[in-house]
Amino acid sequence: MLKYNPNLKQSARRLRKEMTPSERKLWARLRTRQLMDTQFYRQKPIGNYIVDFYAPKSKLVVWT
């Protein structure tokens, strides 16, 4: 499990609610595993950062 700063949890939740139109379009594809059957998480706290999208199996981060 990746360590994260617990103080970022509320900020990540807020960012999930306030996604940009581009993030919404990308998330519409990623959330249903339409990209190589890979599970993604959105606005995920990792360390002291909040990444936009994260695929744990492939260790892929998308940060816009």
PDB file of N, CA and C in Angstrom:
ATOM      1  N   MET A   1       0.838  -1.178   0.000  1.00  0.00           N
ATOM      2  CA  MET A   1       0.000   0.000   0.000  1.00  0.00           C
ATOM      3  C   MET A   1       0.886   1.246   0.000  1.00  0.00           C
ATOM      4  N   LEU A   2       0.516   2.207  -0.815  1.00  0.00           N
ATOM      5  CA  LEU A   2       1.288   3.443  -0.892  1.00  0.00           C
ATOM      6  C   LEU A   2       0.960   4.341   0.287  1.00  0.00           C
ATOM      7  N   LYS A   3       1.991   4.960   0.842  1.00  0.00           N
ATOM      8  CA  LYS A   3       1.782   5.903   1.936  1.00  0.00           C
ATOM      9  C   LYS A   3       1.308   7.234   1.371  1.00  0.00           C
ATOM     10  N   TYR A   4       0.499   7.924   2.161  1.00  0.00           N
ATOM     11  CA  TYR A   4       0.023   9.238   1.747  1.00  0.00           C
ATOM     12  C   TYR A   4      -0.156  10.119   2.963  1.00  0.00           C
ATOM     13  N   ASN A   5      -0.243  11.397   2.708  1.00  0.00           N
ATOM     14  CA  ASN A   5      -0.466  12.383   3.752  1.00  0.00           C
ATOM     15  C   ASN A   5      -1.965  12.412   4.059  1.00  0.00           C
ATOM     16  N   PRO A   6      -2.399  11.992   5.250  1.00  0.00           N
ATOM     17  CA  PRO A   6      -3.825  11.948   5.566  1.00  0.00           C
ATOM     18  C   PRO A   6      -4.508  13.312   5.506  1.00  0.00           C
ATOM     19  N   ASN A   7      -3.743  14.377   5.602  1.00  0.00           N
ATOM     20  CA  ASN A   7      -4.321  15.721   5.500  1.00  0.00           C
ATOM     21  C   ASN A   7      -4.826  16.022   4.096  1.00  0.00           C
ATOM     22  N   LEU A   8      -4.424  15.225   3.111  1.00  0.00           N
ATOM     23  CA  LEU A   8      -4.845  15.451   1.718  1.00  0.00           C
ATOM     24  C   LEU A   8      -6.155  14.750   1.368  1.00  0.00           C
ATOM     25  N   LYS A   9      -6.647  13.918   2.246  1.00  0.00           N
ATOM     26  CA  LYS A   9      -7.836  13.122   1.939  1.00  0.00           C
ATOM     27  C   LYS A   9      -9.054  13.997   1.611  1.00  0.00           C
ATOM     28  N   GLN A  10      -9.314  15.009   2.411  1.00  0.00           N
ATOM     29  CA  GLN A  10     -10.458  15.890   2.167  1.00  0.00           C
ATOM     30  C   GLN A  10     -10.279  16.682   0.864  1.00  0.00           C
ATOM     31  N   SER A  11      -9.064  17.111   0.590  1.00  0.00           N
ATOM     32  CA  SER A  11      -8.797  17.841  -0.658  1.00  0.00           C
ATOM     33  C   SER A  11      -9.038  16.946  -1.866  1.00  0.00           C
ATOM     34  N   ALA A  12      -8.646  15.689  -1.764  1.00  0.00           N
ATOM     35  CA  ALA A  12      -8.863  14.753  -2.861  1.00  0.00           C
ATOM     36  C   ALA A  12     -10.353  14.547  -3.102  1.00  0.00           C
ATOM     37  N   ARG A  13     -11.130  14.442  -2.044  1.00  0.00           N
ATOM     38  CA  ARG A  13     -12.582  14.297  -2.188  1.00  0.00           C
ATOM     39  C   ARG A  13     -13.188  15.519  -2.876  1.00  0.00           C
ATOM     40  N   ARG A  14     -12.705  16.706  -2.505  1.00  0.00           N
ATOM     41  CA  ARG A  14     -13.209  17.929  -3.129  1.00  0.00           C
ATOM     42  C   ARG A  14     -12.868  17.957  -4.617  1.00  0.00           C
ATOM     43  N   LEU A  15     -11.654  17.542  -4.955  1.00  0.00           N
ATOM     44  CA  LEU A  15     -11.235  17.528  -6.355  1.00  0.00           C
ATOM     45  C   LEU A  15     -12.057  16.540  -7.179  1.00  0.00           C
ATOM     46  N   ARG A  16     -12.468  15.426  -6.578  1.00  0.00           N
ATOM     47  CA  ARG A  16     -13.319  14.471  -7.290  1.00  0.00           C
ATOM     48  C   ARG A  16     -14.652  15.100  -7.662  1.00  0.00           C
ATOM     49  N   LYS A  17     -15.161  15.934  -6.785  1.00  0.00           N
ATOM     50  CA  LYS A  17     -16.450  16.589  -7.037  1.00  0.00           C
ATOM     51  C   LYS A  17     -16.328  17.715  -8.052  1.00  0.00           C
ATOM     52  N   GLU A  18     -15.133  18.309  -8.162  1.00  0.00           N
ATOM     53  CA  GLU A  18     -14.927  19.487  -9.003  1.00  0.00           C
ATOM     54  C   GLU A  18     -14.019  19.199 -10.199  1.00  0.00           C
ATOM     55  N   MET A  19     -14.201  18.079 -10.850  1.00  0.00           N
ATOM     56  CA  MET A  19     -13.340  17.732 -11.990  1.00  0.00           C
ATOM     57  C   MET A  19     -13.582  18.678 -13.170  1.00  0.00           C
ATOM     58  N   THR A  20     -12.543  18.903 -13.947  1.00  0.00           N
ATOM     59  CA  THR A  20     -12.656  19.715 -15.147  1.00  0.00           C
ATOM     60  C   THR A  20     -13.380  18.905 -16.223  1.00  0.00           C
ATOM     61  N   PRO A  21     -13.897  19.559 -17.264  1.00  0.00           N
ATOM     62  CA  PRO A  21     -14.555  18.819 -18.342  1.00  0.00           C
ATOM     63  C   PRO A  21     -13.642  17.765 -18.986  1.00  0.00           C
ATOM     64  N   SER A  22     -12.372  18.077 -19.138  1.00  0.00           N
ATOM     65  CA  SER A  22     -11.425  17.116 -19.721  1.00  0.00           C
ATOM     66  C   SER A  22     -11.242  15.903 -18.815  1.00  0.00           C
ATOM     67  N   GLU A  23     -11.139  16.152 -17.510  1.00  0.00           N
ATOM     68  CA  GLU A  23     -11.005  15.044 -16.567  1.00  0.00           C
ATOM     69  C   GLU A  23     -12.257  14.174 -16.572  1.00  0.00           C
ATOM     70  N   ARG A  24     -13.416  14.789 -16.696  1.00  0.00           N
ATOM     71  CA  ARG A  24     -14.671  14.023 -16.743  1.00  0.00           C
ATOM     72  C   ARG A  24     -14.709  13.097 -17.964  1.00  0.00           C
ATOM     73  N   LYS A  25     -14.276  13.606 -19.110  1.00  0.00           N
ATOM     74  CA  LYS A  25     -14.258  12.788 -20.327  1.00  0.00           C
ATOM     75  C   LYS A  25     -13.307  11.607 -20.184  1.00  0.00           C
ATOM     76  N   LEU A  26     -12.127  11.868 -19.659  1.00  0.00           N
ATOM     77  CA  LEU A  26     -11.161  10.791 -19.476  1.00  0.00           C
ATOM     78  C   LEU A  26     -11.677   9.786 -18.451  1.00  0.00           C
ATOM     79  N   TRP A  27     -12.239  10.265 -17.354  1.00  0.00           N
ATOM     80  CA  TRP A  27     -12.748   9.374 -16.313  1.00  0.00           C
ATOM     81  C   TRP A  27     -13.890   8.508 -16.847  1.00  0.00           C
ATOM     82  N   ALA A  28     -14.700   9.030 -17.758  1.00  0.00           N
ATOM     83  CA  ALA A  28     -15.791   8.239 -18.338  1.00  0.00           C
ATOM     84  C   ALA A  28     -15.247   6.990 -19.033  1.00  0.00           C
ATOM     85  N   ARG A  29     -14.065   7.079 -19.592  1.00  0.00           N
ATOM     86  CA  ARG A  29     -13.430   5.927 -20.243  1.00  0.00           C
ATOM     87  C   ARG A  29     -12.685   5.037 -19.256  1.00  0.00           C
ATOM     88  N   LEU A  30     -12.020   5.649 -18.312  1.00  0.00           N
ATOM     89  CA  LEU A  30     -11.187   4.881 -17.381  1.00  0.00           C
ATOM     90  C   LEU A  30     -12.004   4.109 -16.349  1.00  0.00           C
ATOM     91  N   ARG A  31     -13.105   4.663 -15.903  1.00  0.00           N
ATOM     92  CA  ARG A  31     -13.846   4.026 -14.804  1.00  0.00           C
ATOM     93  C   ARG A  31     -14.506   2.724 -15.199  1.00  0.00           C
ATOM     94  N   THR A  32     -14.762   2.524 -16.460  1.00  0.00           N
ATOM     95  CA  THR A  32     -15.390   1.275 -16.909  1.00  0.00           C
ATOM     96  C   THR A  32     -14.375   0.310 -17.515  1.00  0.00           C
ATOM     97  N   ARG A  33     -13.114   0.510 -17.156  1.00  0.00           N
ATOM     98  CA  ARG A  33     -12.016  -0.362 -17.605  1.00  0.00           C
ATOM     99  C   ARG A  33     -11.960  -0.491 -19.134  1.00  0.00           C
ATOM    100  N   GLN A  34     -12.245   0.600 -19.827  1.00  0.00           N
ATOM    101  CA  GLN A  34     -12.204   0.585 -21.285  1.00  0.00           C
ATOM    102  C   GLN A  34     -10.789   0.712 -21.819  1.00  0.00           C
ATOM    103  N   LEU A  35      -9.846   0.947 -20.968  1.00  0.00           N
ATOM    104  CA  LEU A  35      -8.454   1.074 -21.386  1.00  0.00           C
ATOM    105  C   LEU A  35      -7.682  -0.148 -20.907  1.00  0.00           C
ATOM    106  N   MET A  36      -7.549  -1.131 -21.749  1.00  0.00           N
ATOM    107  CA  MET A  36      -6.789  -2.358 -21.488  1.00  0.00           C
ATOM    108  C   MET A  36      -7.226  -3.073 -20.204  1.00  0.00           C
ATOM    109  N   ASP A  37      -8.499  -2.987 -19.868  1.00  0.00           N
ATOM    110  CA  ASP A  37      -9.059  -3.673 -18.704  1.00  0.00           C
ATOM    111  C   ASP A  37      -8.277  -3.369 -17.418  1.00  0.00           C
ATOM    112  N   THR A  38      -7.895  -2.109 -17.260  1.00  0.00           N
ATOM    113  CA  THR A  38      -7.096  -1.670 -16.118  1.00  0.00           C
ATOM    114  C   THR A  38      -7.951  -0.847 -15.164  1.00  0.00           C
ATOM    115  N   GLN A  39      -7.834  -1.119 -13.871  1.00  0.00           N
ATOM    116  CA  GLN A  39      -8.565  -0.358 -12.867  1.00  0.00           C
ATOM    117  C   GLN A  39      -7.822   0.926 -12.553  1.00  0.00           C
ATOM    118  N   PHE A  40      -8.553   2.041 -12.553  1.00  0.00           N
ATOM    119  CA  PHE A  40      -7.999   3.346 -12.228  1.00  0.00           C
ATOM    120  C   PHE A  40      -8.731   3.938 -11.038  1.00  0.00           C
ATOM    121  N   TYR A  41      -8.008   4.768 -10.274  1.00  0.00           N
ATOM    122  CA  TYR A  41      -8.591   5.574  -9.214  1.00  0.00           C
ATOM    123  C   TYR A  41      -8.399   7.021  -9.606  1.00  0.00           C
ATOM    124  N   ARG A  42      -9.293   7.889  -9.159  1.00  0.00           N
ATOM    125  CA  ARG A  42      -9.148   9.312  -9.497  1.00  0.00           C
ATOM    126  C   ARG A  42      -8.853  10.131  -8.256  1.00  0.00           C
ATOM    127  N   GLN A  43      -8.129  11.222  -8.449  1.00  0.00           N
ATOM    128  CA  GLN A  43      -7.707  12.123  -7.389  1.00  0.00           C
ATOM    129  C   GLN A  43      -7.236  11.332  -6.167  1.00  0.00           C
ATOM    130  N   LYS A  44      -6.176  10.587  -6.371  1.00  0.00           N
ATOM    131  CA  LYS A  44      -5.633   9.673  -5.371  1.00  0.00           C
ATOM    132  C   LYS A  44      -4.442  10.321  -4.648  1.00  0.00           C
ATOM    133  N   PRO A  45      -4.491  10.439  -3.315  1.00  0.00           N
ATOM    134  CA  PRO A  45      -3.322  10.940  -2.580  1.00  0.00           C
ATOM    135  C   PRO A  45      -2.197   9.902  -2.601  1.00  0.00           C
ATOM    136  N   ILE A  46      -1.031  10.324  -3.023  1.00  0.00           N
ATOM    137  CA  ILE A  46       0.167   9.484  -3.018  1.00  0.00           C
ATOM    138  C   ILE A  46       1.294  10.346  -2.466  1.00  0.00           C
ATOM    139  N   GLY A  47       1.844   9.937  -1.354  1.00  0.00           N
ATOM    140  CA  GLY A  47       2.867  10.755  -0.709  1.00  0.00           C
ATOM    141  C   GLY A  47       2.285  12.092  -0.316  1.00  0.00           C
ATOM    142  N   ASN A  48       2.918  13.170  -0.731  1.00  0.00           N
ATOM    143  CA  ASN A  48       2.418  14.517  -0.447  1.00  0.00           C
ATOM    144  C   ASN A  48       1.726  15.139  -1.649  1.00  0.00           C
ATOM    145  N   TYR A  49       1.291  14.312  -2.592  1.00  0.00           N
ATOM    146  CA  TYR A  49       0.659  14.789  -3.818  1.00  0.00           C
ATOM    147  C   TYR A  49      -0.713  14.160  -3.983  1.00  0.00           C
ATOM    148  N   ILE A  50      -1.548  14.802  -4.788  1.00  0.00           N
ATOM    149  CA  ILE A  50      -2.812  14.209  -5.210  1.00  0.00           C
ATOM    150  C   ILE A  50      -2.709  14.060  -6.722  1.00  0.00           C
ATOM    151  N   VAL A  51      -2.634  12.816  -7.185  1.00  0.00           N
ATOM    152  CA  VAL A  51      -2.540  12.576  -8.625  1.00  0.00           C
ATOM    153  C   VAL A  51      -3.952  12.488  -9.199  1.00  0.00           C
ATOM    154  N   ASP A  52      -4.105  12.853 -10.464  1.00  0.00           N
ATOM    155  CA  ASP A  52      -5.431  12.869 -11.065  1.00  0.00           C
ATOM    156  C   ASP A  52      -5.979  11.454 -11.280  1.00  0.00           C
ATOM    157  N   PHE A  53      -5.161  10.576 -11.829  1.00  0.00           N
ATOM    158  CA  PHE A  53      -5.592   9.198 -12.061  1.00  0.00           C
ATOM    159  C   PHE A  53      -4.441   8.253 -11.743  1.00  0.00           C
ATOM    160  N   TYR A  54      -4.772   7.094 -11.186  1.00  0.00           N
ATOM    161  CA  TYR A  54      -3.751   6.137 -10.764  1.00  0.00           C
ATOM    162  C   TYR A  54      -4.212   4.721 -11.046  1.00  0.00           C
ATOM    163  N   ALA A  55      -3.348   3.944 -11.718  1.00  0.00           N
ATOM    164  CA  ALA A  55      -3.594   2.530 -11.986  1.00  0.00           C
ATOM    165  C   ALA A  55      -2.588   1.726 -11.173  1.00  0.00           C
ATOM    166  N   PRO A  56      -3.020   1.153 -10.025  1.00  0.00           N
ATOM    167  CA  PRO A  56      -2.057   0.484  -9.139  1.00  0.00           C
ATOM    168  C   PRO A  56      -1.394  -0.745  -9.734  1.00  0.00           C
ATOM    169  N   LYS A  57      -2.128  -1.530 -10.522  1.00  0.00           N
ATOM    170  CA  LYS A  57      -1.557  -2.747 -11.068  1.00  0.00           C
ATOM    171  C   LYS A  57      -0.365  -2.464 -11.973  1.00  0.00           C
ATOM    172  N   SER A  58      -0.493  -1.438 -12.791  1.00  0.00           N
ATOM    173  CA  SER A  58       0.592  -1.088 -13.716  1.00  0.00           C
ATOM    174  C   SER A  58       1.472   0.041 -13.173  1.00  0.00           C
ATOM    175  N   LYS A  59       1.149   0.543 -11.982  1.00  0.00           N
ATOM    176  CA  LYS A  59       1.904   1.630 -11.354  1.00  0.00           C
ATOM    177  C   LYS A  59       1.995   2.852 -12.285  1.00  0.00           C
ATOM    178  N   LEU A  60       0.858   3.177 -12.890  1.00  0.00           N
ATOM    179  CA  LEU A  60       0.775   4.295 -13.827  1.00  0.00           C
ATOM    180  C   LEU A  60       0.062   5.463 -13.157  1.00  0.00           C
ATOM    181  N   VAL A  61       0.662   6.647 -13.267  1.00  0.00           N
ATOM    182  CA  VAL A  61       0.076   7.870 -12.731  1.00  0.00           C
ATOM    183  C   VAL A  61      -0.182   8.830 -13.887  1.00  0.00           C
ATOM    184  N   VAL A  62      -1.369   9.421 -13.901  1.00  0.00           N
ATOM    185  CA  VAL A  62      -1.702  10.472 -14.873  1.00  0.00           C
ATOM    186  C   VAL A  62      -1.942  11.724 -14.061  1.00  0.00           C
ATOM    187  N   TRP A  63      -1.127  12.727 -14.309  1.00  0.00           N
ATOM    188  CA  TRP A  63      -1.184  13.961 -13.550  1.00  0.00           C
ATOM    189  C   TRP A  63      -1.310  15.097 -14.544  1.00  0.00           C
ATOM    190  N   THR A  64      -2.435  15.776 -14.521  1.00  0.00           N
ATOM    191  CA  THR A  64      -2.659  16.843 -15.499  1.00  0.00           C
ATOM    192  C   THR A  64      -2.395  18.206 -14.938  1.00  0.00           C
TER     193      THR A  64
END
